[in-house]
Amino acid sequence: MKFAYVIFGIAALWFLFFLVSFVRERRRLRNGVYLFMALACTALGVVAALASVSAQAASVVVLGGFLLVPLVILALAVFLIFNGVTMVRREGRRLGNLLSLLLGIGIIAYLPFTAAINRIPWAPAKVAVSVLTLILAYVSFLFVCFLLYAFVYGRIRQRRAVDFVVVLGSGLLGSRVPPLLASRLDRGRAVYEAGRARGQEPLMVTSGGQGPDEELPESHAMAGYLADRGVPRERILLEDRSTTTWENLTFSREIMTRERPGYRCVVVTNNFHVLRAALIARRAKVNGQVIGAPTSWYFWPSATIREFVAVFFEYKVVNLGICLSLAAITVLGALG
């Protein structure tokens, strides 16, 4: 039982790291790492406590966990493949729409591929498989932390009064607001109306410039959509220069700072984009949190994978450095 207490103590320490980091700044990806480690240590502590009572019961739990993991991975791969086919049928064959399909195929192909390579009587091939496995394990760990914290962050309710409701653009169809963008605008309007109902006087900021295939700046179409649904036009400010999320947030910050120094805001995007937008908002020094609007179920997996890839490369110095270190350690170990 002493070992279980030690593990629970380590879990409590990870929870403490998470709470301190979360309270200081919730818009950090490392919060997800702390939370994952806390939950993993808690699960390990439960198994250790169970083992002190019944070693047989603990063995059954551990064996069940080991059997469950490959089944979950296989089920995930099948789901991703079916989702990828649905995504391509409904949204077209762009690379971003193929991500869930490609990932599902990659998961299915990994085991036979590594088994085939390991049968080759050539040491460098076996080392290459070991390097690939370690890097995939690291990336998978980050992906799980990303999903975990995206789930947690996206469900935190925004209770404080805000001066601005910023809605990020996502592209027009000519001059028409598509469903993805409409969901953001509807969520932003709901936040605006809730603030008005509490006696607040928030302004709305529609953020988006004009793309090459768009007939007008996105922010103008967004403002028209809101005005048609009852938001007074004078309560809507336009940010019509941006073409990226970083520009959405930095240009909107300039408008908000000019209108109300010392402002507080809430930023609205789609649920798959919430965590990455929050990370960017912190770097852009935007004083506000990010909330999400609903997204069609089939769109979410590929969009989430795309968001993770973007976050991974936004921290490319650290992540690629760790990947290279894992490769170097594996190669040196094989040479030794």
Protein backbone atom coordinates (compact mmCIF):
# COMPACT_ATOMS: atom_id res chain seq x y z
CA MET A 1 0.00 0.00 0.00
CA LYS A 2 2.96 2.31 0.58
CA PHE A 3 3.77 2.19 -3.13
CA ALA A 4 0.20 3.25 -3.93
CA TYR A 5 0.53 6.22 -1.56
CA VAL A 6 3.72 7.26 -3.33
CA ILE A 7 2.00 7.11 -6.72
CA PHE A 8 -1.01 9.05 -5.40
CA GLY A 9 1.41 11.63 -4.02
CA ILE A 10 3.01 12.01 -7.45
CA ALA A 11 -0.47 12.34 -9.01
CA ALA A 12 -1.33 15.06 -6.48
CA LEU A 13 1.86 16.88 -7.40
CA TRP A 14 0.92 16.80 -11.10
CA PHE A 15 -2.57 18.05 -10.22
CA LEU A 16 -0.96 20.88 -8.25
CA PHE A 17 1.19 21.80 -11.27
CA PHE A 18 -1.95 21.77 -13.41
CA LEU A 19 -3.98 23.93 -11.03
CA VAL A 20 -1.23 26.52 -10.56
CA SER A 21 -0.54 26.73 -14.29
CA PHE A 22 -4.27 26.80 -15.12
CA VAL A 23 -5.01 29.61 -12.66
CA ARG A 24 -2.05 31.65 -13.87
CA GLU A 25 -2.82 31.17 -17.58
CA ARG A 26 -5.34 28.67 -18.89
CA ARG A 27 -4.31 29.29 -22.51
CA ARG A 28 -1.23 27.03 -22.36
CA LEU A 29 -0.81 23.60 -23.92
CA ARG A 30 1.39 22.43 -21.07
CA ASN A 31 -1.73 22.39 -18.88
CA GLY A 32 -2.86 19.37 -20.89
CA VAL A 33 0.45 17.60 -20.23
CA TYR A 34 0.15 18.22 -16.48
CA LEU A 35 -3.46 17.01 -16.45
CA PHE A 36 -2.67 13.87 -18.45
CA MET A 37 0.21 12.97 -16.13
CA ALA A 38 -2.00 13.53 -13.10
CA LEU A 39 -4.72 11.25 -14.48
CA ALA A 40 -2.22 8.59 -15.58
CA CYS A 41 -0.56 8.54 -12.15
CA THR A 42 -3.98 8.38 -10.48
CA ALA A 43 -4.90 5.33 -12.58
CA LEU A 44 -1.57 3.70 -11.73
CA GLY A 45 -2.15 4.45 -8.05
CA VAL A 46 -5.59 2.81 -8.18
CA VAL A 47 -4.04 -0.34 -9.68
CA ALA A 48 -1.30 -0.35 -7.02
CA ALA A 49 -3.88 0.06 -4.25
CA LEU A 50 -5.94 -2.77 -5.73
CA ALA A 51 -2.83 -4.97 -5.90
CA SER A 52 -2.25 -4.49 -2.18
CA VAL A 53 -5.71 -5.95 -1.55
CA SER A 54 -5.87 -8.58 -4.32
CA ALA A 55 -2.96 -9.25 -6.66
CA GLN A 56 -5.23 -11.38 -8.85
CA ALA A 57 -7.78 -8.59 -9.28
CA ALA A 58 -5.03 -6.11 -10.15
CA SER A 59 -3.63 -8.55 -12.73
CA VAL A 60 -7.06 -8.85 -14.35
CA VAL A 61 -7.38 -5.05 -14.53
CA VAL A 62 -3.90 -4.65 -16.03
CA LEU A 63 -4.48 -7.44 -18.54
CA GLY A 64 -7.83 -5.94 -19.48
CA GLY A 65 -6.14 -2.58 -20.04
CA PHE A 66 -3.48 -4.11 -22.29
CA LEU A 67 -6.15 -5.93 -24.30
CA LEU A 68 -8.36 -2.86 -24.51
CA VAL A 69 -5.68 -0.55 -25.91
CA PRO A 70 -5.21 -2.34 -29.28
CA LEU A 71 -8.98 -2.77 -29.63
CA VAL A 72 -9.52 0.94 -29.07
CA ILE A 73 -6.77 1.80 -31.56
CA LEU A 74 -8.27 -0.54 -34.15
CA ALA A 75 -11.76 0.90 -33.59
CA LEU A 76 -10.31 4.40 -33.90
CA ALA A 77 -8.61 3.51 -37.19
CA VAL A 78 -11.83 2.08 -38.64
CA PHE A 79 -13.78 5.14 -37.53
CA LEU A 80 -11.20 7.50 -39.07
CA ILE A 81 -11.33 5.67 -42.39
CA PHE A 82 -15.12 5.78 -42.56
CA ASN A 83 -15.08 9.40 -41.43
CA GLY A 84 -12.47 10.24 -44.05
CA VAL A 85 -14.62 8.76 -46.81
CA THR A 86 -17.61 10.80 -45.58
CA MET A 87 -15.47 13.93 -45.41
CA VAL A 88 -14.24 13.53 -48.98
CA ARG A 89 -17.75 12.89 -50.29
CA ARG A 90 -19.19 15.97 -48.62
CA GLU A 91 -16.29 18.43 -48.71
CA GLY A 92 -14.08 17.39 -51.64
CA ARG A 93 -10.61 15.88 -52.05
CA ARG A 94 -8.46 18.65 -50.63
CA LEU A 95 -5.51 17.52 -48.50
CA GLY A 96 -7.04 18.94 -45.32
CA ASN A 97 -10.13 16.81 -45.89
CA LEU A 98 -8.05 13.63 -46.30
CA LEU A 99 -6.32 13.77 -42.91
CA SER A 100 -8.63 11.43 -40.99
CA LEU A 101 -8.62 8.94 -43.88
CA LEU A 102 -4.82 9.00 -44.14
CA LEU A 103 -4.37 8.66 -40.39
CA GLY A 104 -6.76 5.70 -40.24
CA ILE A 105 -4.94 3.94 -43.09
CA GLY A 106 -1.60 4.71 -41.43
CA ILE A 107 -2.71 3.14 -38.14
CA ILE A 108 -3.95 0.00 -39.93
CA ALA A 109 -0.75 -0.27 -41.98
CA TYR A 110 1.69 0.36 -39.11
CA LEU A 111 1.78 -3.12 -37.56
CA PRO A 112 2.21 -5.16 -40.80
CA PHE A 113 4.74 -2.59 -42.03
CA THR A 114 6.91 -2.81 -38.90
CA ALA A 115 6.56 -6.60 -38.79
CA ALA A 116 7.76 -6.83 -42.39
CA ILE A 117 10.72 -4.51 -41.76
CA ASN A 118 11.75 -6.45 -38.65
CA ARG A 119 11.94 -9.63 -40.71
CA ILE A 120 14.62 -8.06 -42.89
CA PRO A 121 18.05 -9.24 -41.65
CA TRP A 122 19.54 -5.75 -41.79
CA ALA A 123 20.30 -3.89 -38.58
CA PRO A 124 19.77 -0.33 -39.92
CA ALA A 125 16.21 -1.24 -40.92
CA LYS A 126 15.43 -2.41 -37.38
CA VAL A 127 16.94 0.79 -35.96
CA ALA A 128 14.81 2.86 -38.35
CA VAL A 129 11.67 1.07 -37.11
CA SER A 130 12.68 1.73 -33.51
CA VAL A 131 13.21 5.41 -34.27
CA LEU A 132 9.85 5.62 -36.04
CA THR A 133 8.08 3.90 -33.13
CA LEU A 134 9.60 6.25 -30.53
CA ILE A 135 8.73 9.35 -32.53
CA LEU A 136 5.18 8.12 -33.12
CA ALA A 137 4.86 7.39 -29.40
CA TYR A 138 5.94 10.95 -28.58
CA VAL A 139 3.59 12.50 -31.15
CA SER A 140 0.73 10.27 -29.94
CA PHE A 141 1.39 11.37 -26.35
CA LEU A 142 1.18 15.03 -27.41
CA PHE A 143 -1.96 14.36 -29.42
CA VAL A 144 -3.70 12.75 -26.44
CA CYS A 145 -2.69 15.70 -24.24
CA PHE A 146 -3.97 18.08 -26.91
CA LEU A 147 -7.33 16.29 -27.16
CA LEU A 148 -7.69 16.08 -23.39
CA TYR A 149 -7.04 19.74 -22.79
CA ALA A 150 -9.05 20.85 -25.82
CA PHE A 151 -11.99 18.94 -24.30
CA VAL A 152 -11.47 20.54 -20.87
CA TYR A 153 -10.79 24.08 -22.12
CA GLY A 154 -13.73 24.00 -24.53
CA ARG A 155 -16.14 23.25 -21.69
CA ILE A 156 -15.11 26.05 -19.36
CA ARG A 157 -17.99 28.51 -19.10
CA GLN A 158 -17.27 32.21 -19.49
CA ARG A 159 -19.03 33.98 -16.62
CA ARG A 160 -17.22 37.30 -16.42
CA ALA A 161 -18.56 40.43 -18.10
CA VAL A 162 -16.94 41.29 -21.42
CA ASP A 163 -16.66 44.47 -23.46
CA PHE A 164 -16.35 42.73 -26.84
CA VAL A 165 -17.49 39.55 -28.53
CA VAL A 166 -15.02 38.78 -31.33
CA VAL A 167 -16.13 36.35 -34.03
CA LEU A 168 -13.34 34.90 -36.17
CA GLY A 169 -13.97 34.43 -39.87
CA SER A 170 -13.62 31.09 -41.68
CA GLY A 171 -14.32 31.94 -45.31
CA LEU A 172 -17.28 32.89 -47.52
CA LEU A 173 -18.91 31.20 -50.48
CA GLY A 174 -18.77 34.17 -52.82
CA SER A 175 -20.73 36.63 -50.69
CA ARG A 176 -22.69 34.04 -48.69
CA VAL A 177 -22.04 33.02 -45.09
CA PRO A 178 -21.62 29.19 -45.10
CA PRO A 179 -22.88 26.94 -42.27
CA LEU A 180 -19.47 26.70 -40.54
CA LEU A 181 -19.22 30.47 -40.21
CA ALA A 182 -22.92 30.82 -39.42
CA SER A 183 -22.45 28.59 -36.36
CA ARG A 184 -19.74 30.96 -35.07
CA LEU A 185 -21.95 33.99 -35.66
CA ASP A 186 -24.93 32.38 -33.96
CA ARG A 187 -22.82 31.52 -30.91
CA GLY A 188 -21.38 35.03 -30.82
CA ARG A 189 -24.84 36.55 -31.06
CA ALA A 190 -26.03 34.34 -28.19
CA VAL A 191 -23.14 35.59 -26.02
CA TYR A 192 -23.88 39.19 -27.01
CA GLU A 193 -27.59 38.85 -26.18
CA ALA A 194 -26.83 37.14 -22.87
CA GLY A 195 -24.59 40.07 -21.94
CA ARG A 196 -27.28 42.57 -22.86
CA ALA A 197 -29.79 40.61 -20.75
CA ARG A 198 -27.47 41.05 -17.75
CA GLY A 199 -27.31 44.81 -18.26
CA GLN A 200 -23.96 44.89 -20.06
CA GLU A 201 -23.18 46.84 -23.23
CA PRO A 202 -20.80 44.65 -25.27
CA LEU A 203 -19.78 45.40 -28.83
CA MET A 204 -19.33 42.75 -31.48
CA VAL A 205 -16.24 42.54 -33.69
CA THR A 206 -16.47 40.60 -36.94
CA SER A 207 -12.97 39.65 -38.05
CA GLY A 208 -12.01 38.62 -41.57
CA GLY A 209 -10.56 40.15 -44.72
CA GLN A 210 -11.34 39.46 -48.36
CA GLY A 211 -10.02 36.30 -50.00
CA PRO A 212 -9.30 35.93 -53.72
CA ASP A 213 -12.55 33.98 -54.30
CA GLU A 214 -14.74 36.21 -52.12
CA GLU A 215 -16.93 39.03 -53.44
CA LEU A 216 -16.52 41.25 -50.36
CA PRO A 217 -14.54 41.31 -47.10
CA GLU A 218 -15.67 38.50 -44.84
CA SER A 219 -16.28 40.81 -41.88
CA HIS A 220 -18.83 42.79 -43.94
CA ALA A 221 -20.85 39.67 -44.79
CA MET A 222 -20.62 38.58 -41.14
CA ALA A 223 -21.92 41.96 -39.96
CA GLY A 224 -24.79 41.74 -42.44
CA TYR A 225 -25.68 38.27 -41.14
CA LEU A 226 -25.78 39.55 -37.55
CA ALA A 227 -27.75 42.68 -38.45
CA ASP A 228 -30.35 40.57 -40.26
CA ARG A 229 -30.82 38.65 -37.01
CA GLY A 230 -31.36 41.62 -34.75
CA VAL A 231 -27.93 42.89 -33.70
CA PRO A 232 -27.91 46.71 -34.12
CA ARG A 233 -25.48 47.66 -36.87
CA GLU A 234 -23.92 50.36 -34.69
CA ARG A 235 -22.95 47.66 -32.16
CA ILE A 236 -20.80 45.84 -34.73
CA LEU A 237 -17.18 46.79 -35.45
CA LEU A 238 -15.44 45.53 -38.59
CA GLU A 239 -11.93 44.12 -38.76
CA ASP A 240 -11.50 43.61 -42.51
CA ARG A 241 -7.75 43.22 -43.05
CA SER A 242 -6.93 39.77 -41.66
CA THR A 243 -6.20 36.57 -43.58
CA THR A 244 -4.99 34.32 -40.72
CA THR A 245 -6.00 33.60 -37.14
CA TRP A 246 -2.96 35.52 -35.91
CA GLU A 247 -4.05 38.57 -37.91
CA ASN A 248 -7.69 38.11 -36.81
CA LEU A 249 -6.60 38.43 -33.21
CA THR A 250 -3.89 41.07 -33.49
CA PHE A 251 -5.97 43.40 -35.66
CA SER A 252 -9.04 42.88 -33.46
CA ARG A 253 -6.91 43.65 -30.40
CA GLU A 254 -5.93 46.98 -31.97
CA ILE A 255 -9.61 47.87 -32.50
CA MET A 256 -10.60 46.86 -28.96
CA THR A 257 -7.68 48.71 -27.37
CA ARG A 258 -8.57 51.84 -29.30
CA GLU A 259 -12.28 51.67 -28.41
CA ARG A 260 -11.99 50.61 -24.76
CA PRO A 261 -8.53 50.53 -23.16
CA GLY A 262 -8.41 47.88 -20.48
CA TYR A 263 -11.06 45.84 -22.32
CA ARG A 264 -12.03 42.22 -21.70
CA CYS A 265 -13.35 40.08 -24.54
CA VAL A 266 -14.52 36.64 -25.53
CA VAL A 267 -13.42 35.16 -28.86
CA VAL A 268 -15.76 32.85 -30.78
CA THR A 269 -14.64 30.18 -33.22
CA ASN A 270 -15.62 26.56 -33.94
CA ASN A 271 -15.06 23.92 -31.27
CA PHE A 272 -12.22 22.16 -33.11
CA HIS A 273 -10.33 25.47 -33.32
CA VAL A 274 -10.80 26.63 -29.72
CA LEU A 275 -7.53 25.49 -28.14
CA ARG A 276 -5.27 26.61 -30.98
CA ALA A 277 -7.05 29.97 -31.13
CA ALA A 278 -6.56 30.32 -27.36
CA LEU A 279 -2.83 29.60 -27.68
CA ILE A 280 -2.56 32.24 -30.42
CA ALA A 281 -4.65 34.71 -28.38
CA ARG A 282 -2.18 34.39 -25.50
CA ARG A 283 0.78 35.08 -27.79
CA ALA A 284 -1.10 37.99 -29.40
CA LYS A 285 -1.76 39.45 -25.91
CA VAL A 286 -5.53 39.44 -26.38
CA ASN A 287 -7.26 39.89 -23.03
CA GLY A 288 -9.92 37.22 -23.28
CA GLN A 289 -10.76 33.55 -23.52
CA VAL A 290 -12.01 31.53 -26.50
CA ILE A 291 -15.27 29.60 -26.81
CA GLY A 292 -16.48 27.22 -29.49
CA ALA A 293 -19.48 26.86 -31.74
CA PRO A 294 -20.83 23.43 -32.82
CA THR A 295 -19.37 21.71 -35.87
CA SER A 296 -20.83 18.91 -37.99
CA TRP A 297 -19.67 15.54 -36.61
CA TYR A 298 -18.01 14.42 -39.85
CA PHE A 299 -15.97 17.63 -40.10
CA TRP A 300 -14.53 17.48 -36.58
CA PRO A 301 -11.90 14.64 -36.85
CA SER A 302 -9.99 15.98 -39.87
CA ALA A 303 -10.23 19.55 -38.58
CA THR A 304 -8.91 18.50 -35.16
CA ILE A 305 -5.99 16.62 -36.72
CA ARG A 306 -5.21 19.70 -38.81
CA GLU A 307 -5.28 21.87 -35.69
CA PHE A 308 -2.90 19.53 -33.86
CA VAL A 309 -0.45 19.49 -36.78
CA ALA A 310 -0.51 23.31 -36.82
CA VAL A 311 0.14 23.48 -33.06
CA PHE A 312 2.91 20.88 -33.34
CA PHE A 313 4.76 22.98 -35.90
CA GLU A 314 4.09 26.23 -34.06
CA TYR A 315 6.34 24.70 -31.39
CA LYS A 316 8.59 23.07 -33.97
CA VAL A 317 11.89 23.95 -32.30
CA VAL A 318 10.99 22.02 -29.15
CA ASN A 319 9.11 19.20 -30.84
CA LEU A 320 11.56 18.56 -33.65
CA GLY A 321 14.42 18.84 -31.14
CA ILE A 322 12.83 16.10 -29.00
CA CYS A 323 12.22 13.93 -32.08
CA LEU A 324 15.85 14.30 -33.16
CA SER A 325 17.01 13.53 -29.62
CA LEU A 326 14.93 10.33 -29.55
CA ALA A 327 16.39 9.32 -32.91
CA ALA A 328 19.94 10.05 -31.74
CA ILE A 329 19.49 8.09 -28.50
CA THR A 330 18.11 5.10 -30.40
CA VAL A 331 20.95 5.12 -32.94
CA LEU A 332 23.62 5.52 -30.27
CA GLY A 333 22.04 2.72 -28.26
CA ALA A 334 22.17 0.43 -31.31
CA LEU A 335 25.80 1.33 -31.98
CA GLY A 336 26.71 0.71 -28.34
